[in-house]
């Protein structure tokens, strides 16, 4: 996965799919750019592995500023339960594998 470089369009597509899994299709409290944002300077690479790690960290830890469906300010919540943790990690991994196969 580290050998696969993603274009900005592919990164946004990955983030969009991850947001759709986490929050459903109707409303996402945060944008693709927020989910793709790096919390450390080492994470500013464009490869699939680093993109996977950034999206995973931002969705798992939460704390991103967003808007509710009613337009009120909100913060995303961290995933603390083991079931939610495993389900999200598995879904993100499958998305990354599909992206890798599509780009190879």
N, C-alpha and C. Protein backbone atom coordinates (compact mmCIF):
# COMPACT_ATOMS: atom_id res chain seq x y z
N UNK A 1 0.82 -1.20 0.00
CA UNK A 1 0.00 0.00 0.00
C UNK A 1 0.86 1.26 0.00
N UNK A 2 2.07 1.15 0.52
CA UNK A 2 2.93 2.32 0.55
C UNK A 2 3.45 2.67 -0.83
N UNK A 3 3.40 1.72 -1.75
CA UNK A 3 3.88 1.97 -3.11
C UNK A 3 2.82 2.62 -3.99
N UNK A 4 1.57 2.62 -3.54
CA UNK A 4 0.47 3.17 -4.34
C UNK A 4 0.27 4.64 -3.97
N UNK A 5 0.56 5.53 -4.89
CA UNK A 5 0.37 6.96 -4.67
C UNK A 5 -1.03 7.35 -5.14
N UNK A 6 -1.73 8.11 -4.30
CA UNK A 6 -3.10 8.51 -4.62
C UNK A 6 -3.14 9.96 -5.07
N UNK A 7 -3.92 10.21 -6.09
CA UNK A 7 -4.18 11.59 -6.51
C UNK A 7 -5.14 12.22 -5.50
N UNK A 8 -5.24 13.54 -5.48
CA UNK A 8 -6.21 14.18 -4.58
C UNK A 8 -7.64 13.69 -4.81
N UNK A 9 -8.00 13.39 -6.06
CA UNK A 9 -9.35 12.89 -6.35
C UNK A 9 -9.55 11.51 -5.72
N UNK A 10 -8.54 10.65 -5.80
CA UNK A 10 -8.64 9.32 -5.19
C UNK A 10 -8.68 9.41 -3.67
N UNK A 11 -7.92 10.33 -3.09
CA UNK A 11 -7.97 10.51 -1.64
C UNK A 11 -9.35 10.97 -1.21
N UNK A 12 -9.93 11.92 -1.94
CA UNK A 12 -11.28 12.38 -1.61
C UNK A 12 -12.31 11.27 -1.77
N UNK A 13 -12.15 10.44 -2.78
CA UNK A 13 -13.08 9.31 -2.97
C UNK A 13 -12.98 8.34 -1.80
N UNK A 14 -11.77 8.06 -1.34
CA UNK A 14 -11.59 7.17 -0.19
C UNK A 14 -12.22 7.78 1.07
N UNK A 15 -11.98 9.07 1.29
CA UNK A 15 -12.55 9.74 2.46
C UNK A 15 -14.08 9.78 2.38
N UNK A 16 -14.62 10.01 1.18
CA UNK A 16 -16.07 10.05 0.99
C UNK A 16 -16.69 8.69 1.32
N UNK A 17 -16.05 7.62 0.88
CA UNK A 17 -16.55 6.27 1.17
C UNK A 17 -16.47 5.97 2.66
N UNK A 18 -15.41 6.40 3.31
CA UNK A 18 -15.26 6.19 4.75
C UNK A 18 -16.32 6.97 5.53
N UNK A 19 -16.59 8.20 5.12
CA UNK A 19 -17.63 8.99 5.78
C UNK A 19 -19.00 8.38 5.57
N UNK A 20 -19.25 7.85 4.38
CA UNK A 20 -20.54 7.21 4.11
C UNK A 20 -20.72 5.98 4.99
N UNK A 21 -19.65 5.23 5.20
CA UNK A 21 -19.75 4.07 6.09
C UNK A 21 -20.00 4.52 7.53
N UNK A 22 -19.27 5.51 7.98
CA UNK A 22 -19.35 5.93 9.39
C UNK A 22 -20.65 6.66 9.72
N UNK A 23 -21.11 7.55 8.83
CA UNK A 23 -22.24 8.41 9.16
C UNK A 23 -23.47 8.17 8.30
N UNK A 24 -23.41 7.31 7.31
CA UNK A 24 -24.54 7.10 6.43
C UNK A 24 -24.45 8.01 5.22
N UNK A 25 -25.39 7.86 4.32
CA UNK A 25 -25.35 8.57 3.05
C UNK A 25 -25.90 10.00 3.12
N UNK A 26 -26.82 10.29 4.02
CA UNK A 26 -27.53 11.57 3.99
C UNK A 26 -26.67 12.76 4.40
N UNK A 27 -26.18 12.73 5.63
CA UNK A 27 -25.48 13.91 6.16
C UNK A 27 -24.17 13.48 6.81
N UNK A 28 -23.10 14.17 6.46
CA UNK A 28 -21.80 13.96 7.11
C UNK A 28 -21.47 15.21 7.89
N UNK A 29 -21.19 15.10 9.19
CA UNK A 29 -20.91 16.29 9.99
C UNK A 29 -19.59 16.97 9.64
N UNK A 30 -18.69 16.27 8.99
CA UNK A 30 -17.40 16.84 8.60
C UNK A 30 -17.17 16.60 7.11
N UNK A 31 -16.18 17.30 6.57
CA UNK A 31 -15.88 17.20 5.14
C UNK A 31 -14.78 16.16 4.90
N UNK A 32 -14.60 15.83 3.63
CA UNK A 32 -13.52 14.92 3.26
C UNK A 32 -12.16 15.51 3.63
N UNK A 33 -12.02 16.82 3.44
CA UNK A 33 -10.74 17.48 3.75
C UNK A 33 -10.40 17.36 5.23
N UNK A 34 -11.41 17.46 6.10
CA UNK A 34 -11.16 17.34 7.53
C UNK A 34 -10.71 15.93 7.89
N UNK A 35 -11.32 14.94 7.28
CA UNK A 35 -10.96 13.55 7.57
C UNK A 35 -9.57 13.23 7.03
N UNK A 36 -9.19 13.88 5.94
CA UNK A 36 -7.87 13.65 5.35
C UNK A 36 -6.76 14.48 5.99
N UNK A 37 -7.11 15.40 6.88
CA UNK A 37 -6.10 16.27 7.46
C UNK A 37 -5.14 15.47 8.34
N UNK A 38 -3.87 15.85 8.28
CA UNK A 38 -2.83 15.17 9.05
C UNK A 38 -2.70 15.82 10.42
N UNK A 39 -2.58 15.00 11.44
CA UNK A 39 -2.36 15.51 12.79
C UNK A 39 -0.88 15.66 13.10
N UNK A 40 -0.02 15.05 12.29
CA UNK A 40 1.43 15.13 12.44
C UNK A 40 2.05 15.40 11.08
N UNK A 41 3.20 16.03 11.04
CA UNK A 41 3.83 16.36 9.76
C UNK A 41 4.27 15.11 9.01
N UNK A 42 4.54 14.02 9.72
CA UNK A 42 4.95 12.78 9.05
C UNK A 42 3.83 12.18 8.21
N UNK A 43 2.60 12.55 8.50
CA UNK A 43 1.43 11.97 7.83
C UNK A 43 1.00 12.75 6.60
N UNK A 44 1.83 13.62 6.08
CA UNK A 44 1.44 14.43 4.93
C UNK A 44 1.83 13.80 3.59
N UNK A 45 2.01 12.49 3.57
CA UNK A 45 2.34 11.78 2.33
C UNK A 45 1.05 11.46 1.58
N UNK A 46 1.19 11.16 0.29
CA UNK A 46 0.02 10.89 -0.55
C UNK A 46 -0.14 9.42 -0.90
N UNK A 47 0.54 8.53 -0.20
CA UNK A 47 0.38 7.12 -0.52
C UNK A 47 -0.87 6.55 0.16
N UNK A 48 -1.29 5.39 -0.30
CA UNK A 48 -2.53 4.78 0.19
C UNK A 48 -2.43 4.43 1.66
N UNK A 49 -1.28 3.93 2.11
CA UNK A 49 -1.12 3.55 3.51
C UNK A 49 -1.29 4.75 4.44
N UNK A 50 -0.64 5.85 4.13
CA UNK A 50 -0.73 7.04 4.98
C UNK A 50 -2.13 7.63 4.93
N UNK A 51 -2.76 7.61 3.77
CA UNK A 51 -4.14 8.10 3.66
C UNK A 51 -5.06 7.24 4.52
N UNK A 52 -4.90 5.93 4.47
CA UNK A 52 -5.67 5.01 5.31
C UNK A 52 -5.47 5.36 6.79
N UNK A 53 -4.22 5.58 7.19
CA UNK A 53 -3.92 5.88 8.59
C UNK A 53 -4.54 7.20 9.05
N UNK A 54 -4.47 8.23 8.18
CA UNK A 54 -5.05 9.54 8.53
C UNK A 54 -6.56 9.44 8.72
N UNK A 55 -7.23 8.80 7.77
CA UNK A 55 -8.69 8.67 7.84
C UNK A 55 -9.06 7.85 9.08
N UNK A 56 -8.35 6.77 9.31
CA UNK A 56 -8.61 5.93 10.47
C UNK A 56 -8.47 6.72 11.76
N UNK A 57 -7.38 7.45 11.90
CA UNK A 57 -7.14 8.21 13.13
C UNK A 57 -8.21 9.28 13.34
N UNK A 58 -8.55 10.01 12.30
CA UNK A 58 -9.53 11.08 12.45
C UNK A 58 -10.93 10.56 12.75
N UNK A 59 -11.30 9.42 12.18
CA UNK A 59 -12.62 8.86 12.48
C UNK A 59 -12.64 8.18 13.84
N UNK A 60 -11.54 7.57 14.25
CA UNK A 60 -11.51 6.87 15.54
C UNK A 60 -11.41 7.84 16.72
N UNK A 61 -10.54 8.83 16.61
CA UNK A 61 -10.32 9.75 17.73
C UNK A 61 -11.40 10.82 17.85
N UNK A 62 -12.01 11.18 16.72
CA UNK A 62 -13.02 12.23 16.76
C UNK A 62 -12.40 13.58 17.06
N UNK A 63 -13.22 14.49 17.58
CA UNK A 63 -12.74 15.81 17.93
C UNK A 63 -12.71 16.81 16.79
N UNK A 64 -13.23 16.43 15.63
CA UNK A 64 -13.25 17.34 14.49
C UNK A 64 -14.47 18.24 14.57
N UNK A 65 -14.29 19.52 14.27
CA UNK A 65 -15.41 20.46 14.28
C UNK A 65 -16.28 20.22 13.05
N UNK A 66 -17.58 20.23 13.26
CA UNK A 66 -18.49 20.00 12.15
C UNK A 66 -19.84 20.65 12.38
N UNK A 67 -20.80 20.26 11.56
CA UNK A 67 -22.17 20.77 11.66
C UNK A 67 -23.13 19.60 11.70
N UNK A 68 -24.13 19.71 12.55
CA UNK A 68 -25.17 18.68 12.60
C UNK A 68 -26.10 18.85 11.41
N UNK A 69 -27.03 17.92 11.25
CA UNK A 69 -27.99 18.00 10.15
C UNK A 69 -28.86 19.24 10.27
N UNK A 70 -29.03 19.75 11.48
CA UNK A 70 -29.83 20.96 11.71
C UNK A 70 -29.00 22.23 11.56
N UNK A 71 -27.72 22.11 11.31
CA UNK A 71 -26.86 23.27 11.11
C UNK A 71 -26.15 23.75 12.36
N UNK A 72 -26.34 23.06 13.48
CA UNK A 72 -25.67 23.46 14.72
C UNK A 72 -24.23 22.97 14.73
N UNK A 73 -23.38 23.73 15.39
CA UNK A 73 -21.98 23.32 15.53
C UNK A 73 -21.89 22.07 16.40
N UNK A 74 -20.96 21.20 16.04
CA UNK A 74 -20.78 19.98 16.81
C UNK A 74 -19.33 19.51 16.68
N UNK A 75 -18.99 18.52 17.48
CA UNK A 75 -17.70 17.85 17.40
C UNK A 75 -17.96 16.37 17.15
N UNK A 76 -17.14 15.77 16.33
CA UNK A 76 -17.30 14.33 16.13
C UNK A 76 -16.83 13.61 17.39
N UNK A 77 -17.46 12.48 17.65
CA UNK A 77 -17.15 11.71 18.84
C UNK A 77 -16.19 10.58 18.52
N UNK A 78 -15.40 10.23 19.50
CA UNK A 78 -14.47 9.12 19.35
C UNK A 78 -15.23 7.80 19.43
N UNK A 79 -14.69 6.79 18.80
CA UNK A 79 -15.26 5.45 18.91
C UNK A 79 -14.56 4.77 20.07
N UNK A 80 -15.32 4.40 21.08
CA UNK A 80 -14.72 3.82 22.28
C UNK A 80 -15.03 2.35 22.45
N UNK A 81 -16.11 1.87 21.84
CA UNK A 81 -16.48 0.46 21.97
C UNK A 81 -15.66 -0.41 21.04
N UNK A 82 -15.34 -1.60 21.51
CA UNK A 82 -14.52 -2.52 20.72
C UNK A 82 -15.25 -2.96 19.46
N UNK A 83 -16.57 -3.14 19.52
CA UNK A 83 -17.32 -3.56 18.33
C UNK A 83 -17.26 -2.50 17.24
N UNK A 84 -17.50 -1.25 17.62
CA UNK A 84 -17.42 -0.17 16.65
C UNK A 84 -16.02 0.01 16.10
N UNK A 85 -15.04 -0.18 16.96
CA UNK A 85 -13.63 -0.08 16.56
C UNK A 85 -13.30 -1.12 15.50
N UNK A 86 -13.66 -2.36 15.76
CA UNK A 86 -13.35 -3.45 14.82
C UNK A 86 -14.11 -3.28 13.51
N UNK A 87 -15.39 -2.92 13.59
CA UNK A 87 -16.18 -2.75 12.37
C UNK A 87 -15.63 -1.64 11.49
N UNK A 88 -15.29 -0.51 12.09
CA UNK A 88 -14.76 0.61 11.31
C UNK A 88 -13.40 0.26 10.72
N UNK A 89 -12.53 -0.34 11.52
CA UNK A 89 -11.20 -0.71 11.02
C UNK A 89 -11.30 -1.71 9.87
N UNK A 90 -12.18 -2.68 10.01
CA UNK A 90 -12.34 -3.67 8.94
C UNK A 90 -12.87 -3.01 7.67
N UNK A 91 -13.85 -2.13 7.81
CA UNK A 91 -14.41 -1.44 6.64
C UNK A 91 -13.36 -0.56 5.96
N UNK A 92 -12.57 0.16 6.74
CA UNK A 92 -11.53 1.01 6.16
C UNK A 92 -10.47 0.17 5.45
N UNK A 93 -10.14 -0.98 6.03
CA UNK A 93 -9.15 -1.86 5.41
C UNK A 93 -9.67 -2.40 4.08
N UNK A 94 -10.93 -2.83 4.06
CA UNK A 94 -11.52 -3.34 2.81
C UNK A 94 -11.56 -2.25 1.76
N UNK A 95 -11.92 -1.03 2.15
CA UNK A 95 -11.91 0.09 1.21
C UNK A 95 -10.51 0.32 0.65
N UNK A 96 -9.51 0.25 1.51
CA UNK A 96 -8.13 0.47 1.06
C UNK A 96 -7.68 -0.64 0.11
N UNK A 97 -8.04 -1.89 0.42
CA UNK A 97 -7.69 -2.99 -0.48
C UNK A 97 -8.36 -2.84 -1.84
N UNK A 98 -9.63 -2.43 -1.84
CA UNK A 98 -10.34 -2.23 -3.10
C UNK A 98 -9.71 -1.09 -3.90
N UNK A 99 -9.31 -0.04 -3.22
CA UNK A 99 -8.64 1.08 -3.89
C UNK A 99 -7.31 0.61 -4.48
N UNK A 100 -6.58 -0.20 -3.74
CA UNK A 100 -5.30 -0.70 -4.23
C UNK A 100 -5.49 -1.57 -5.47
N UNK A 101 -6.49 -2.44 -5.45
CA UNK A 101 -6.76 -3.30 -6.61
C UNK A 101 -7.20 -2.48 -7.81
N UNK A 102 -8.00 -1.46 -7.58
CA UNK A 102 -8.49 -0.63 -8.68
C UNK A 102 -7.36 0.16 -9.33
N UNK A 103 -6.36 0.55 -8.55
CA UNK A 103 -5.28 1.38 -9.07
C UNK A 103 -4.08 0.56 -9.56
N UNK A 104 -4.09 -0.72 -9.31
CA UNK A 104 -2.95 -1.56 -9.74
C UNK A 104 -3.15 -2.09 -11.15
